[in-house]
């Protein structure tokens, strides 16, 4: 069974890779406005995470959100239309690459900009006795944002049903992780009373078991 799960997940990750490569090609041809940040190399993460979510759960993403959007069941044609600035796009053609919206998906390009939004949203769901989970994706560059730690504190205090997914590719744009980060990620997270789990994207079996 696990082999079949691995196969389907890898196929979905490859589909995201092909979409991202197509976007990069369109961008290089000058057919897209603004900029385009892809999730190349990180495709399997949202695929596995989304496999544990349902229609009641909500995803909060960032500037590298195309893969998050697709893995969550987002309309691929609407995503393409959005990237091309068409009114038929998922955000009406005005959001572009970084500002996507659907019934259960929100993203923006501000570093850590969605972290407190996700925390408050998940708390409001809990306060209304609605059984739902919020997932907020961040990159390692966001570890330098004070806003993130305020969000951690709020989430912990209100016991918000939220999962922060840190996609650490060890580079924030062009700056190596080792040049800007000091301390221990695990200790930072646990310092706010939050649970911390570390997974390796090259070990899908362990990744899946950790989320289970």
Protein backbone atom coordinates (compact mmCIF):
# COMPACT_ATOMS: atom_id res chain seq x y z
CA UNK A 1 0.00 0.00 0.00
CA UNK A 2 2.78 2.43 0.93
CA UNK A 3 4.45 1.85 -2.45
CA UNK A 4 1.23 2.87 -4.17
CA UNK A 5 0.96 5.95 -1.95
CA UNK A 6 4.55 6.86 -2.78
CA UNK A 7 3.86 6.47 -6.51
CA UNK A 8 0.80 8.71 -6.49
CA UNK A 9 2.55 11.32 -4.38
CA UNK A 10 5.59 11.37 -6.60
CA UNK A 11 3.39 11.69 -9.70
CA UNK A 12 1.61 14.68 -8.13
CA UNK A 13 4.94 16.25 -7.18
CA UNK A 14 6.20 15.78 -10.74
CA UNK A 15 3.04 17.43 -12.07
CA UNK A 16 3.76 20.46 -9.88
CA UNK A 17 7.38 20.51 -11.12
CA UNK A 18 6.20 20.57 -14.75
CA UNK A 19 3.78 23.40 -14.02
CA UNK A 20 6.51 25.41 -12.31
CA UNK A 21 8.91 24.85 -15.19
CA UNK A 22 6.21 26.02 -17.60
CA UNK A 23 5.75 29.19 -15.54
CA UNK A 24 9.50 29.86 -15.59
CA UNK A 25 9.49 29.46 -19.36
CA UNK A 26 6.55 31.84 -19.78
CA UNK A 27 8.26 34.34 -17.48
CA UNK A 28 11.50 34.17 -19.46
CA UNK A 29 9.48 34.89 -22.61
CA UNK A 30 8.07 38.04 -21.01
CA UNK A 31 4.52 36.74 -20.97
CA UNK A 32 4.03 37.25 -17.21
CA UNK A 33 4.04 40.48 -15.26
CA UNK A 34 5.83 40.97 -11.97
CA UNK A 35 8.00 38.16 -10.70
CA UNK A 36 7.62 34.41 -10.33
CA UNK A 37 8.86 32.44 -7.31
CA UNK A 38 8.64 28.69 -7.76
CA UNK A 39 8.76 25.78 -5.32
CA UNK A 40 11.11 23.67 -7.43
CA UNK A 41 12.69 21.06 -5.17
CA UNK A 42 9.97 21.35 -2.51
CA UNK A 43 7.03 19.87 -4.42
CA UNK A 44 6.57 16.74 -2.32
CA UNK A 45 5.98 18.71 0.90
CA UNK A 46 2.50 20.12 0.13
CA UNK A 47 1.54 16.89 -1.61
CA UNK A 48 2.08 14.88 1.57
CA UNK A 49 0.64 17.53 3.88
CA UNK A 50 -2.51 17.97 1.77
CA UNK A 51 -3.10 14.22 1.74
CA UNK A 52 -4.02 14.54 5.43
CA UNK A 53 -6.37 17.52 4.98
CA UNK A 54 -10.04 17.73 4.03
CA UNK A 55 -12.40 20.38 2.64
CA UNK A 56 -12.93 21.93 6.08
CA UNK A 57 -9.24 22.73 6.49
CA UNK A 58 -7.64 25.96 5.28
CA UNK A 59 -4.19 26.63 3.85
CA UNK A 60 -2.24 29.86 4.24
CA UNK A 61 0.67 30.16 1.86
CA UNK A 62 3.45 32.50 0.78
CA UNK A 63 5.28 33.77 -2.30
CA UNK A 64 6.23 30.22 -3.30
CA UNK A 65 2.66 29.01 -3.16
CA UNK A 66 1.92 27.46 -6.55
CA UNK A 67 2.68 23.94 -5.32
CA UNK A 68 0.68 24.50 -2.14
CA UNK A 69 -2.26 25.63 -4.26
CA UNK A 70 -2.14 22.72 -6.70
CA UNK A 71 -1.59 20.09 -3.99
CA UNK A 72 -4.62 21.45 -2.13
CA UNK A 73 -6.81 20.76 -5.16
CA UNK A 74 -6.63 24.25 -6.66
CA UNK A 75 -7.77 24.67 -10.27
CA UNK A 76 -4.63 24.52 -12.41
CA UNK A 77 -6.25 26.37 -15.34
CA UNK A 78 -7.34 29.20 -13.05
CA UNK A 79 -3.80 29.38 -11.68
CA UNK A 80 -2.37 29.71 -15.19
CA UNK A 81 -4.96 32.35 -16.05
CA UNK A 82 -4.02 34.25 -12.91
CA UNK A 83 -0.36 34.15 -13.78
CA UNK A 84 -1.20 35.60 -17.20
CA UNK A 85 -3.28 38.37 -15.67
CA UNK A 86 -6.61 37.14 -16.98
CA UNK A 87 -9.95 37.87 -15.32
CA UNK A 88 -10.66 34.13 -15.26
CA UNK A 89 -7.75 33.64 -12.87
CA UNK A 90 -8.22 32.41 -9.33
CA UNK A 91 -7.77 35.99 -8.04
CA UNK A 92 -9.39 37.72 -11.00
CA UNK A 93 -6.06 38.36 -12.66
CA UNK A 94 -4.96 41.00 -10.14
CA UNK A 95 -3.15 38.82 -7.61
CA UNK A 96 -0.47 37.34 -9.83
CA UNK A 97 1.99 34.75 -8.63
CA UNK A 98 2.00 35.64 -4.95
CA UNK A 99 -1.60 36.51 -4.09
CA UNK A 100 -3.84 33.53 -4.69
CA UNK A 101 -7.26 32.80 -3.27
CA UNK A 102 -9.79 29.99 -3.41
CA UNK A 103 -12.39 28.60 -1.04
CA UNK A 104 -9.76 27.16 1.30
CA UNK A 105 -6.52 28.79 0.18
CA UNK A 106 -4.93 32.20 0.78
CA UNK A 107 -1.46 33.51 0.04
CA UNK A 108 0.52 36.73 -0.07
CA UNK A 109 4.12 37.74 -0.67
CA UNK A 110 4.95 39.34 2.68
CA UNK A 111 7.50 37.42 4.73
CA UNK A 112 5.49 35.89 7.56
CA UNK A 113 2.50 37.98 6.53
CA UNK A 114 0.05 35.12 6.79
CA UNK A 115 1.29 33.65 10.07
CA UNK A 116 -0.86 35.73 12.40
CA UNK A 117 -3.78 35.69 9.96
CA UNK A 118 -3.67 31.89 10.02
CA UNK A 119 -3.42 31.87 13.81
CA UNK A 120 -6.41 34.15 14.24
CA UNK A 121 -8.43 32.32 11.63
CA UNK A 122 -7.84 28.93 13.23
CA UNK A 123 -8.73 30.34 16.65
CA UNK A 124 -11.99 31.78 15.29
CA UNK A 125 -12.89 28.38 13.87
CA UNK A 126 -12.18 26.76 17.21
CA UNK A 127 -14.17 29.46 19.03
CA UNK A 128 -17.16 28.66 16.82
CA UNK A 129 -16.81 24.96 17.63
CA UNK A 130 -15.94 24.20 14.03
CA UNK A 131 -13.69 21.18 13.63
CA UNK A 132 -11.06 22.40 11.19
CA UNK A 133 -7.32 22.76 10.90
CA UNK A 134 -5.25 25.62 9.50
CA UNK A 135 -1.91 25.00 7.81
CA UNK A 136 0.53 27.87 7.37
CA UNK A 137 3.58 27.43 5.13
CA UNK A 138 6.71 29.44 5.82
CA UNK A 139 10.28 29.37 4.53
CA UNK A 140 13.53 29.48 6.48
CA UNK A 141 13.91 33.17 5.60
CA UNK A 142 10.83 33.88 7.70
CA UNK A 143 12.70 32.74 10.81
CA UNK A 144 14.18 36.24 10.89
CA UNK A 145 10.78 37.92 11.15
CA UNK A 146 9.56 38.97 14.60
CA UNK A 147 6.00 38.72 13.35
CA UNK A 148 6.42 34.95 13.15
CA UNK A 149 7.21 34.63 16.85
CA UNK A 150 4.29 36.84 17.82
CA UNK A 151 2.13 34.41 15.84
CA UNK A 152 3.70 31.44 17.63
CA UNK A 153 2.90 33.07 20.95
CA UNK A 154 -0.72 33.77 20.01
CA UNK A 155 -1.23 30.27 18.63
CA UNK A 156 0.15 28.71 21.77
CA UNK A 157 -1.79 30.94 24.15
CA UNK A 158 -5.13 30.42 22.41
CA UNK A 159 -4.36 26.78 21.59
CA UNK A 160 -5.25 27.42 17.98
CA UNK A 161 -5.62 24.31 15.78
CA UNK A 162 -2.80 25.26 13.44
CA UNK A 163 0.25 23.61 11.90
CA UNK A 164 3.17 25.75 10.76
CA UNK A 165 5.09 23.98 7.99
CA UNK A 166 8.65 25.24 7.68
CA UNK A 167 10.13 24.47 4.26
CA UNK A 168 13.82 24.85 4.95
CA UNK A 169 15.79 24.71 1.71
CA UNK A 170 18.66 26.45 3.51
CA UNK A 171 18.51 29.51 1.27
CA UNK A 172 16.46 32.70 1.67
CA UNK A 173 16.47 34.03 -1.90
CA UNK A 174 20.27 34.04 -2.32
CA UNK A 175 21.46 34.11 1.29
CA UNK A 176 22.72 30.83 2.81
CA UNK A 177 20.88 29.76 5.95
CA UNK A 178 24.13 29.41 7.91
CA UNK A 179 24.99 33.09 7.42
CA UNK A 180 21.88 34.45 9.08
CA UNK A 181 20.56 31.87 11.53
CA UNK A 182 21.82 31.25 15.05
CA UNK A 183 20.48 28.90 17.68
CA UNK A 184 18.21 25.90 17.26
CA UNK A 185 14.88 25.83 15.39
CA UNK A 186 13.46 23.14 17.66
CA UNK A 187 14.25 25.13 20.81
CA UNK A 188 12.75 28.28 19.32
CA UNK A 189 9.47 26.52 18.53
CA UNK A 190 9.24 24.60 21.79
CA UNK A 191 10.03 27.81 23.67
CA UNK A 192 6.51 28.94 22.78
CA UNK A 193 4.96 25.71 24.03
CA UNK A 194 4.44 24.35 20.54
CA UNK A 195 5.21 20.83 19.38
CA UNK A 196 8.06 20.40 16.90
CA UNK A 197 8.54 17.61 14.36
CA UNK A 198 11.36 17.30 11.85
CA UNK A 199 11.08 15.31 8.64
CA UNK A 200 13.27 14.60 5.62
CA UNK A 201 11.56 15.00 2.24
CA UNK A 202 13.76 12.23 0.84
CA UNK A 203 12.20 9.75 3.26
CA UNK A 204 8.52 9.75 2.26
CA UNK A 205 7.66 6.82 4.51
CA UNK A 206 8.96 8.65 7.59
CA UNK A 207 7.30 11.88 6.46
CA UNK A 208 3.90 10.15 6.19
CA UNK A 209 4.29 8.29 9.50
CA UNK A 210 5.25 11.52 11.31
CA UNK A 211 2.06 13.23 10.15
CA UNK A 212 -0.03 10.20 11.07
